[in-house]
Amino acid sequence: MERRKFIKSTAFGISALLSRQGQHSPGLNSLVPDSDTINSYLNHSKKPLAIAMWDFSWILRHHRYGEFEHWRNVLEGLAERGYNAIRIDAMPQYVSADKEGKVTEQFRSIRDSWKPVKWGNDYSMNFRPREALLEFLPECKKYGIKVGLATWFLPHGGPRDVFTEKGGLARAWIETLTFLQQHGLLDDNTIYVDLLNEYPFWHGYDWLKKELDSMEDIKQFKLNNPDANIPDNQEEVKKGTFNALQKEFYVNFANETITALQQKAFNKLYQFSFNKQMPLDQIDLSKFGVIDYHLWFADTGKLPGLDALGDIDQSKDNAGIFQGLLSAWKSNLPEMTQWMDQQIQGVSDMARLHHIPCGNTEGWGPINWLDYPDTDWKWVKEAGSICVDLVKKHDNYKFICSSNFTHPQFKGMWEDIKWHKNITSRIKA
């Protein structure tokens, strides 16, 4: 099909990428490891992992005044609470070299305001991504904490060519996994590699966003690209968020990126994590080794005031807004629980169809939340408890979170050790 040929040639020139990495393979159609033959914990575990999403906070709050100042202490605290896995941003955008092959060891992340921040750095600070991985990953293993490597691909340490580079995402991951492999850290303690957070929406890979945006108006795209082999009858109707041309592009890009990593024989399960914006019937999962699908009651739209409270708009009467939210939470809970049950069932069914494990590292009540004098964490904990019971009905859910807020900076949640122990014991049962 000519249109498919065009999209594939646009994606990112995968053969050239592999050649630059010193391994020009016979082609993308050559055999690569099948996901169910990879010796991964997720393919063989009988019980789910209790996973905490530590995103990029693990490194950007690793400073004198940060909650992650002492990795050993905070990992010990996580293990005490019953968690035995984490998802972290491996920072491949900064571990990798620039286009000229120059490696930079240290970057500076700037905070330009004192507005409360949930994730990432609360102060301007320096971070050393390569050195951090070499120190942090062995500590995880000591405390029995398995690791899902991920990336949000955000410009925490300033702009780099990799954000706008054609093929930058694949190159960054190949160089990062090679670096870990060379230091003996790409072992069985790594349970998967999440190539890009909440694909293709919530991430910082500007090249990908620009390509998708350029296809939003198909007629204009054809005018701008007269040599593109796109049929005249190409539908303009969007399927969900994207039109057919955009959909084919992001599907091919995901599959070719996974293939690039598989060709390097790192022997890992690969995925792109998703949220509710990406219906699983709109993506080809045939090359995925695992599904991480993020679900929240926030997605139901039945919790008024949640956006204002999640962003701490202190110009508003937050006490009153919070009481309204709690009232809606109580009255709408039966309907929202039914909705959540159906969503979880759908993820499980799709994973079973493809014979791969699934899980959720981000859920279950709000997406954004912070505890301050007018609010508390009680309803967030209740949401986690409800959803753990729902997800435990599905034996192919192999990693399960308790909430988005299992970091030590979320003081009200972190200090409730009893609650964490209770919910993690239920997850792992």
Protein backbone atom coordinates (compact mmCIF):
# COMPACT_ATOMS: atom_id res chain seq x y z
CA MET A 1 0.00 0.00 0.00
CA GLU A 2 1.59 3.28 -1.13
CA ARG A 3 0.28 5.30 1.81
CA ARG A 4 1.87 2.86 4.25
CA LYS A 5 5.17 3.11 2.40
CA PHE A 6 5.08 6.88 2.69
CA ILE A 7 4.35 6.88 6.42
CA LYS A 8 7.08 4.36 7.10
CA SER A 9 9.62 6.42 5.19
CA THR A 10 8.55 9.48 7.18
CA ALA A 11 8.80 7.80 10.58
CA PHE A 12 12.51 8.03 11.36
CA GLY A 13 14.74 6.08 8.97
CA ILE A 14 15.26 3.07 11.20
CA SER A 15 17.85 1.33 9.02
CA ALA A 16 20.10 4.39 9.15
CA LEU A 17 19.68 4.50 12.91
CA LEU A 18 20.76 0.90 13.34
CA SER A 19 23.70 1.46 11.04
CA ARG A 20 24.89 4.40 13.17
CA GLN A 21 24.69 2.15 16.20
CA GLY A 22 27.11 -0.28 14.54
CA GLN A 23 24.67 -3.08 13.84
CA HIS A 24 23.12 -3.03 10.40
CA SER A 25 20.71 -5.95 10.51
CA PRO A 26 19.29 -7.88 7.53
CA GLY A 27 16.14 -5.76 7.86
CA LEU A 28 13.16 -5.03 10.03
CA ASN A 29 11.45 -8.24 8.98
CA SER A 30 14.20 -10.43 10.40
CA LEU A 31 13.37 -12.45 13.47
CA VAL A 32 13.27 -10.67 16.81
CA PRO A 33 12.47 -12.16 20.23
CA ASP A 34 8.79 -12.84 20.80
CA SER A 35 7.56 -11.24 24.03
CA ASP A 36 6.40 -14.51 25.57
CA THR A 37 9.86 -16.07 25.09
CA ILE A 38 11.63 -13.31 27.01
CA ASN A 39 12.64 -14.44 30.47
CA SER A 40 10.87 -11.60 32.28
CA TYR A 41 9.50 -11.61 35.80
CA LEU A 42 6.16 -10.41 34.45
CA ASN A 43 5.82 -13.41 32.15
CA HIS A 44 6.31 -15.92 34.95
CA SER A 45 5.10 -14.30 38.17
CA LYS A 46 2.15 -15.80 39.99
CA LYS A 47 1.41 -12.70 42.08
CA PRO A 48 1.33 -9.01 41.14
CA LEU A 49 3.95 -6.48 42.08
CA ALA A 50 2.98 -3.52 44.25
CA ILE A 51 4.48 -0.72 42.16
CA ALA A 52 5.21 2.92 42.99
CA MET A 53 5.52 5.58 40.30
CA TRP A 54 8.60 7.64 41.21
CA ASP A 55 8.83 9.30 37.76
CA PHE A 56 11.71 11.84 37.62
CA SER A 57 11.36 12.83 41.28
CA TRP A 58 13.84 10.12 42.29
CA ILE A 59 16.66 12.13 40.66
CA LEU A 60 15.38 15.74 40.64
CA ARG A 61 14.72 15.70 44.40
CA HIS A 62 18.04 14.05 45.14
CA HIS A 63 19.74 17.00 46.80
CA ARG A 64 20.45 18.36 50.24
CA TYR A 65 16.87 19.50 50.92
CA GLY A 66 15.04 16.93 48.82
CA GLU A 67 12.90 14.04 49.95
CA PHE A 68 15.11 11.72 47.87
CA GLU A 69 18.34 13.06 49.35
CA HIS A 70 19.34 9.62 50.65
CA TRP A 71 18.24 6.93 48.22
CA ARG A 72 19.00 4.14 50.66
CA ASN A 73 16.69 5.61 53.28
CA VAL A 74 13.77 6.22 50.96
CA LEU A 75 14.05 2.78 49.34
CA GLU A 76 14.08 1.25 52.78
CA GLY A 77 10.93 3.24 53.55
CA LEU A 78 9.27 2.05 50.36
CA ALA A 79 10.08 -1.58 51.15
CA GLU A 80 8.78 -1.09 54.70
CA ARG A 81 5.46 0.00 53.21
CA GLY A 82 5.29 -3.20 51.18
CA TYR A 83 6.15 -1.98 47.70
CA ASN A 84 8.40 -4.24 45.66
CA ALA A 85 8.61 -2.34 42.35
CA ILE A 86 8.99 1.20 41.04
CA ARG A 87 8.61 2.97 37.71
CA ILE A 88 11.25 5.65 37.16
CA ASP A 89 12.28 8.01 34.40
CA ALA A 90 15.66 6.67 33.30
CA MET A 91 16.39 10.05 31.67
CA PRO A 92 17.52 8.58 28.31
CA GLN A 93 17.32 12.07 26.82
CA TYR A 94 20.25 13.04 29.06
CA VAL A 95 22.08 9.72 29.40
CA SER A 96 22.54 9.60 25.64
CA ALA A 97 25.12 11.63 23.75
CA ASP A 98 24.36 14.54 21.47
CA LYS A 99 24.35 14.11 17.68
CA GLU A 100 28.12 14.59 17.59
CA GLY A 101 28.60 11.77 20.10
CA LYS A 102 29.52 13.98 23.05
CA VAL A 103 28.37 12.71 26.47
CA THR A 104 27.47 15.30 29.11
CA GLU A 105 27.69 14.11 32.69
CA GLN A 106 25.88 16.92 34.51
CA PHE A 107 22.82 19.04 33.77
CA ARG A 108 21.09 21.86 35.61
CA SER A 109 17.33 21.91 36.16
CA ILE A 110 15.90 25.34 36.88
CA ARG A 111 12.85 26.19 38.97
CA ASP A 112 11.56 29.63 37.99
CA SER A 113 8.82 30.00 40.59
CA TRP A 114 7.82 28.99 44.12
CA LYS A 115 4.51 27.54 43.04
CA PRO A 116 3.97 24.16 44.74
CA VAL A 117 5.20 21.33 42.53
CA LYS A 118 4.02 17.74 42.77
CA TRP A 119 6.63 15.91 40.75
CA GLY A 120 10.18 16.78 39.89
CA ASN A 121 12.43 19.36 41.44
CA ASP A 122 11.22 21.88 43.99
CA TYR A 123 14.52 23.81 43.81
CA SER A 124 16.98 24.60 41.05
CA MET A 125 19.59 21.87 41.17
CA ASN A 126 22.20 19.88 39.27
CA PHE A 127 21.71 16.24 38.35
CA ARG A 128 24.05 13.60 36.96
CA PRO A 129 21.92 10.97 35.18
CA ARG A 130 24.59 8.39 34.35
CA GLU A 131 26.13 8.48 37.78
CA ALA A 132 22.66 8.37 39.36
CA LEU A 133 21.62 5.19 37.54
CA LEU A 134 24.86 3.47 38.51
CA GLU A 135 24.23 4.25 42.16
CA PHE A 136 20.45 3.97 42.37
CA LEU A 137 19.70 0.72 40.50
CA PRO A 138 21.95 -1.48 42.68
CA GLU A 139 20.28 -0.01 45.77
CA CYS A 140 16.88 -1.01 44.38
CA LYS A 141 18.06 -4.58 44.05
CA LYS A 142 19.34 -4.62 47.64
CA TYR A 143 15.86 -3.78 48.92
CA GLY A 144 14.03 -6.21 46.63
CA ILE A 145 12.61 -3.42 44.49
CA LYS A 146 12.15 -4.33 40.81
CA VAL A 147 12.34 -1.51 38.28
CA GLY A 148 10.32 -0.46 35.28
CA LEU A 149 12.42 1.89 33.16
CA ALA A 150 10.37 4.68 31.60
CA THR A 151 10.67 8.20 30.28
CA TRP A 152 8.52 11.30 30.05
CA PHE A 153 11.28 12.69 27.77
CA LEU A 154 10.90 16.17 29.24
CA PRO A 155 13.53 18.96 29.01
CA HIS A 156 14.35 19.10 32.73
CA GLY A 157 17.95 20.01 32.07
CA GLY A 158 17.37 22.34 29.15
CA PRO A 159 16.99 21.73 25.39
CA ARG A 160 19.00 19.11 23.51
CA ASP A 161 18.97 18.05 19.87
CA VAL A 162 17.44 14.71 20.84
CA PHE A 163 14.04 16.36 21.47
CA THR A 164 13.74 17.50 17.86
CA GLU A 165 15.84 14.78 16.25
CA LYS A 166 14.31 12.38 13.78
CA GLY A 167 14.92 9.05 15.51
CA GLY A 168 15.97 10.74 18.75
CA LEU A 169 13.77 8.62 20.99
CA ALA A 170 15.11 5.30 19.69
CA ARG A 171 18.70 6.54 19.73
CA ALA A 172 18.39 7.79 23.30
CA TRP A 173 17.01 4.45 24.51
CA ILE A 174 19.53 2.34 22.60
CA GLU A 175 22.42 4.32 24.07
CA THR A 176 20.92 4.25 27.57
CA LEU A 177 20.26 0.50 27.59
CA THR A 178 23.71 -0.12 26.12
CA PHE A 179 25.20 1.97 28.94
CA LEU A 180 23.30 -0.04 31.57
CA GLN A 181 24.21 -3.31 29.91
CA GLN A 182 27.90 -2.40 29.87
CA HIS A 183 27.73 -1.83 33.64
CA GLY A 184 25.83 -5.05 34.37
CA LEU A 185 22.63 -3.23 35.31
CA LEU A 186 20.29 -4.42 32.56
CA ASP A 187 19.50 -7.58 34.48
CA ASP A 188 16.39 -9.49 35.59
CA ASN A 189 15.58 -6.76 38.10
CA THR A 190 14.44 -4.62 35.15
CA ILE A 191 10.89 -5.78 34.43
CA TYR A 192 10.13 -3.70 31.30
CA VAL A 193 11.05 -0.61 29.29
CA ASP A 194 8.32 2.02 28.77
CA LEU A 195 9.61 3.88 25.72
CA LEU A 196 7.41 6.99 26.06
CA ASN A 197 4.91 8.08 28.68
CA GLU A 198 1.19 8.12 27.82
CA TYR A 199 1.73 7.79 24.10
CA PRO A 200 1.28 9.79 21.98
CA PHE A 201 0.07 12.61 24.22
CA TRP A 202 1.84 13.45 27.49
CA HIS A 203 5.59 13.62 26.82
CA GLY A 204 8.30 15.97 25.61
CA TYR A 205 9.35 14.40 22.31
CA ASP A 206 8.80 17.51 20.21
CA TRP A 207 9.65 15.85 16.89
CA LEU A 208 6.82 13.36 17.27
CA LYS A 209 4.33 16.05 18.28
CA LYS A 210 5.33 18.21 15.33
CA GLU A 211 4.90 15.34 12.87
CA LEU A 212 1.44 14.50 14.23
CA ASP A 213 0.41 18.16 14.18
CA SER A 214 1.50 18.47 10.54
CA MET A 215 -1.01 15.75 9.60
CA GLU A 216 -3.98 17.25 11.44
CA ASP A 217 -5.34 18.81 8.25
CA ILE A 218 -4.94 16.07 5.62
CA LYS A 219 -5.73 18.36 2.68
CA GLN A 220 -3.13 20.89 3.78
CA PHE A 221 -0.64 18.10 4.46
CA LYS A 222 -1.03 16.86 0.88
CA LEU A 223 -0.47 20.39 -0.43
CA ASN A 224 2.67 20.72 1.71
CA ASN A 225 3.88 17.27 0.67
CA PRO A 226 2.97 16.89 -3.03
CA ASP A 227 5.14 13.78 -3.39
CA ALA A 228 3.33 11.95 -0.62
CA ASN A 229 1.42 8.93 -1.87
CA ILE A 230 -1.84 9.54 -0.03
CA PRO A 231 -5.08 8.35 -1.70
CA ASP A 232 -7.53 11.08 -2.74
CA ASN A 233 -10.28 9.35 -0.80
CA GLN A 234 -8.36 9.52 2.50
CA GLU A 235 -10.99 10.11 5.17
CA GLU A 236 -10.91 13.40 7.05
CA VAL A 237 -13.06 12.01 9.84
CA LYS A 238 -11.18 11.65 13.09
CA LYS A 239 -11.11 8.32 14.89
CA GLY A 240 -11.04 9.53 18.46
CA THR A 241 -8.44 12.27 18.82
CA PHE A 242 -6.64 11.61 15.53
CA ASN A 243 -7.54 11.21 11.88
CA ALA A 244 -6.65 8.10 9.89
CA LEU A 245 -3.35 9.52 8.60
CA GLN A 246 -2.18 10.44 12.10
CA LYS A 247 -3.28 7.08 13.44
CA GLU A 248 -1.28 5.17 10.85
CA PHE A 249 1.73 7.34 11.60
CA TYR A 250 1.72 6.81 15.38
CA VAL A 251 1.03 3.09 15.02
CA ASN A 252 3.97 2.64 12.63
CA PHE A 253 6.22 4.84 14.74
CA ALA A 254 5.52 2.77 17.87
CA ASN A 255 6.09 -0.54 16.12
CA GLU A 256 9.29 0.58 14.41
CA THR A 257 10.68 2.01 17.63
CA ILE A 258 10.04 -1.25 19.45
CA THR A 259 11.62 -3.16 16.57
CA ALA A 260 14.71 -0.96 16.80
CA LEU A 261 15.16 -1.96 20.43
CA GLN A 262 14.39 -5.61 19.75
CA GLN A 263 17.02 -5.66 17.02
CA LYS A 264 19.63 -4.72 19.60
CA ALA A 265 18.85 -7.91 21.56
CA PHE A 266 18.45 -6.30 24.98
CA ASN A 267 15.92 -9.06 25.72
CA LYS A 268 13.35 -6.84 27.45
CA LEU A 269 9.61 -6.33 27.31
CA TYR A 270 8.85 -3.04 25.54
CA GLN A 271 5.79 -0.83 25.60
CA PHE A 272 4.46 2.69 25.33
CA SER A 273 2.29 3.49 28.34
CA PHE A 274 -1.21 4.87 27.75
CA ASN A 275 -4.00 6.78 29.43
CA LYS A 276 -7.73 6.97 28.72
CA GLN A 277 -7.14 9.23 25.70
CA MET A 278 -5.80 6.21 23.80
CA PRO A 279 -8.44 3.49 23.26
CA LEU A 280 -6.62 0.20 22.95
CA ASP A 281 -8.45 -0.64 19.73
CA GLN A 282 -6.72 2.38 18.14
CA ILE A 283 -3.18 1.01 18.51
CA ASP A 284 -1.46 -2.10 17.15
CA LEU A 285 -0.21 -4.03 20.18
CA SER A 286 1.34 -6.93 18.28
CA LYS A 287 4.90 -5.88 19.18
CA PHE A 288 4.13 -4.85 22.76
CA GLY A 289 5.47 -7.04 25.54
CA VAL A 290 3.27 -5.50 28.24
CA ILE A 291 0.54 -2.87 28.72
CA ASP A 292 0.67 -0.08 31.32
CA TYR A 293 -2.71 1.65 31.12
CA HIS A 294 -3.41 4.56 33.48
CA LEU A 295 -6.92 4.95 34.85
CA TRP A 296 -8.43 7.46 37.26
CA PHE A 297 -11.90 8.27 38.57
CA ALA A 298 -10.96 11.80 37.49
CA ASP A 299 -11.60 10.68 33.91
CA THR A 300 -15.32 10.27 34.59
CA GLY A 301 -15.87 14.02 34.80
CA LYS A 302 -18.11 13.51 37.82
CA LEU A 303 -15.89 15.18 40.43
CA PRO A 304 -16.50 18.97 40.26
CA GLY A 305 -13.70 21.17 41.53
CA LEU A 306 -11.03 18.54 41.05
CA ASP A 307 -8.97 20.65 38.64
CA ALA A 308 -8.92 23.66 40.97
CA LEU A 309 -7.99 21.53 43.97
CA GLY A 310 -5.41 19.51 42.07
CA ASP A 311 -3.62 22.68 41.01
CA ILE A 312 -4.11 24.40 44.41
CA ASP A 313 -5.74 27.57 43.17
CA GLN A 314 -5.43 29.50 46.42
CA SER A 315 -7.54 32.38 45.12
CA LYS A 316 -10.61 30.18 45.54
CA ASP A 317 -12.54 28.91 48.54
CA ASN A 318 -10.86 25.53 48.52
CA ALA A 319 -12.55 24.37 51.70
CA GLY A 320 -15.93 24.82 50.08
CA ILE A 321 -14.79 23.27 46.80
CA PHE A 322 -13.41 20.27 48.67
CA GLN A 323 -16.69 19.67 50.47
CA GLY A 324 -18.49 19.78 47.13
CA LEU A 325 -16.04 17.28 45.69
CA LEU A 326 -16.53 14.90 48.62
CA SER A 327 -20.30 15.16 48.21
CA ALA A 328 -20.02 14.29 44.51
CA TRP A 329 -17.56 11.49 45.33
CA LYS A 330 -20.09 9.89 47.67
CA SER A 331 -23.15 10.29 45.44
CA ASN A 332 -21.44 9.29 42.17
CA LEU A 333 -19.30 6.46 43.53
CA PRO A 334 -21.54 3.54 42.47
CA GLU A 335 -21.68 4.78 38.87
CA MET A 336 -17.97 5.62 38.80
CA THR A 337 -17.04 2.24 40.25
CA GLN A 338 -19.03 0.49 37.53
CA TRP A 339 -17.22 2.61 34.93
CA MET A 340 -13.82 1.75 36.42
CA ASP A 341 -14.68 -1.94 36.54
CA GLN A 342 -15.48 -1.86 32.82
CA GLN A 343 -12.26 -0.01 31.98
CA ILE A 344 -10.11 -2.48 33.91
CA GLN A 345 -11.95 -5.37 32.25
CA GLY A 346 -11.22 -3.88 28.83
CA VAL A 347 -7.49 -3.57 29.52
CA SER A 348 -7.34 -7.12 30.85
CA ASP A 349 -9.23 -8.46 27.83
CA MET A 350 -6.90 -6.72 25.38
CA ALA A 351 -3.80 -7.97 27.17
CA ARG A 352 -5.20 -11.49 27.18
CA LEU A 353 -5.96 -11.24 23.47
CA HIS A 354 -2.28 -10.48 22.82
CA HIS A 355 -0.98 -12.95 25.44
CA ILE A 356 0.90 -10.27 27.36
CA PRO A 357 0.78 -9.07 30.98
CA CYS A 358 -0.75 -5.75 31.95
CA GLY A 359 -0.75 -3.37 34.87
CA ASN A 360 -1.21 0.21 36.03
CA THR A 361 1.45 2.49 37.49
CA GLU A 362 -0.77 5.59 37.74
CA GLY A 363 -4.26 5.70 39.29
CA TRP A 364 -6.88 5.66 40.81
CA GLY A 365 -8.69 8.75 42.14
CA PRO A 366 -7.20 12.12 41.10
CA ILE A 367 -4.45 12.66 38.57
CA ASN A 368 -3.21 15.75 40.42
CA TRP A 369 -3.52 16.25 44.17
CA LEU A 370 -1.67 17.86 47.05
CA ASP A 371 -2.52 17.87 50.73
CA TYR A 372 -2.82 21.27 52.37
CA PRO A 373 -4.96 22.74 55.21
CA ASP A 374 -8.29 22.61 53.33
CA THR A 375 -7.95 19.05 51.96
CA ASP A 376 -6.79 15.58 52.95
CA TRP A 377 -5.90 12.18 51.45
CA LYS A 378 -8.79 10.12 52.77
CA TRP A 379 -10.77 9.95 49.52
CA VAL A 380 -7.58 9.26 47.52
CA LYS A 381 -6.89 6.26 49.73
CA GLU A 382 -10.48 5.09 49.40
CA ALA A 383 -10.21 5.26 45.61
CA GLY A 384 -7.06 3.14 45.69
CA SER A 385 -8.67 0.57 47.95
CA ILE A 386 -11.73 0.23 45.70
CA CYS A 387 -9.68 -0.15 42.52
CA VAL A 388 -7.25 -2.68 43.98
CA ASP A 389 -10.26 -4.91 44.71
CA LEU A 390 -11.50 -4.42 41.14
CA VAL A 391 -8.17 -5.11 39.46
CA LYS A 392 -7.42 -8.16 41.59
CA LYS A 393 -10.21 -9.97 39.77
CA HIS A 394 -7.86 -10.22 36.77
CA ASP A 395 -4.90 -12.56 37.06
CA ASN A 396 -3.04 -10.98 34.13
CA TYR A 397 -2.61 -7.67 35.99
CA LYS A 398 1.01 -8.18 37.08
CA PHE A 399 1.85 -4.75 38.55
CA ILE A 400 -0.60 -2.57 40.45
CA CYS A 401 -0.25 0.88 42.02
CA SER A 402 -2.04 2.20 45.08
CA SER A 403 -2.17 5.81 43.76
CA ASN A 404 -0.09 8.41 41.91
CA PHE A 405 1.27 9.61 45.23
CA THR A 406 3.67 7.04 46.67
CA HIS A 407 6.62 9.46 46.82
CA PRO A 408 7.94 10.81 50.14
CA GLN A 409 7.13 14.39 49.08
CA PHE A 410 3.42 13.58 49.46
CA LYS A 411 3.75 13.72 53.23
CA GLY A 412 0.15 12.93 54.17
CA MET A 413 0.19 9.73 52.12
CA TRP A 414 3.77 8.69 52.82
CA GLU A 415 3.41 8.89 56.60
CA ASP A 416 0.43 6.53 56.74
CA ILE A 417 2.55 3.40 56.88
CA LYS A 418 -0.31 1.26 58.13
CA TRP A 419 -2.45 2.06 55.09
CA HIS A 420 0.39 1.34 52.67
CA LYS A 421 1.12 -1.98 54.31
CA ASN A 422 -2.54 -2.95 54.13
CA ILE A 423 -3.03 -2.11 50.47
CA THR A 424 0.29 -3.54 49.27
CA SER A 425 -0.39 -6.80 51.08
CA ARG A 426 -3.71 -7.01 49.22
CA ILE A 427 -2.02 -6.23 45.91
CA LYS A 428 0.60 -8.94 46.39
CA ALA A 429 -1.78 -11.59 47.76
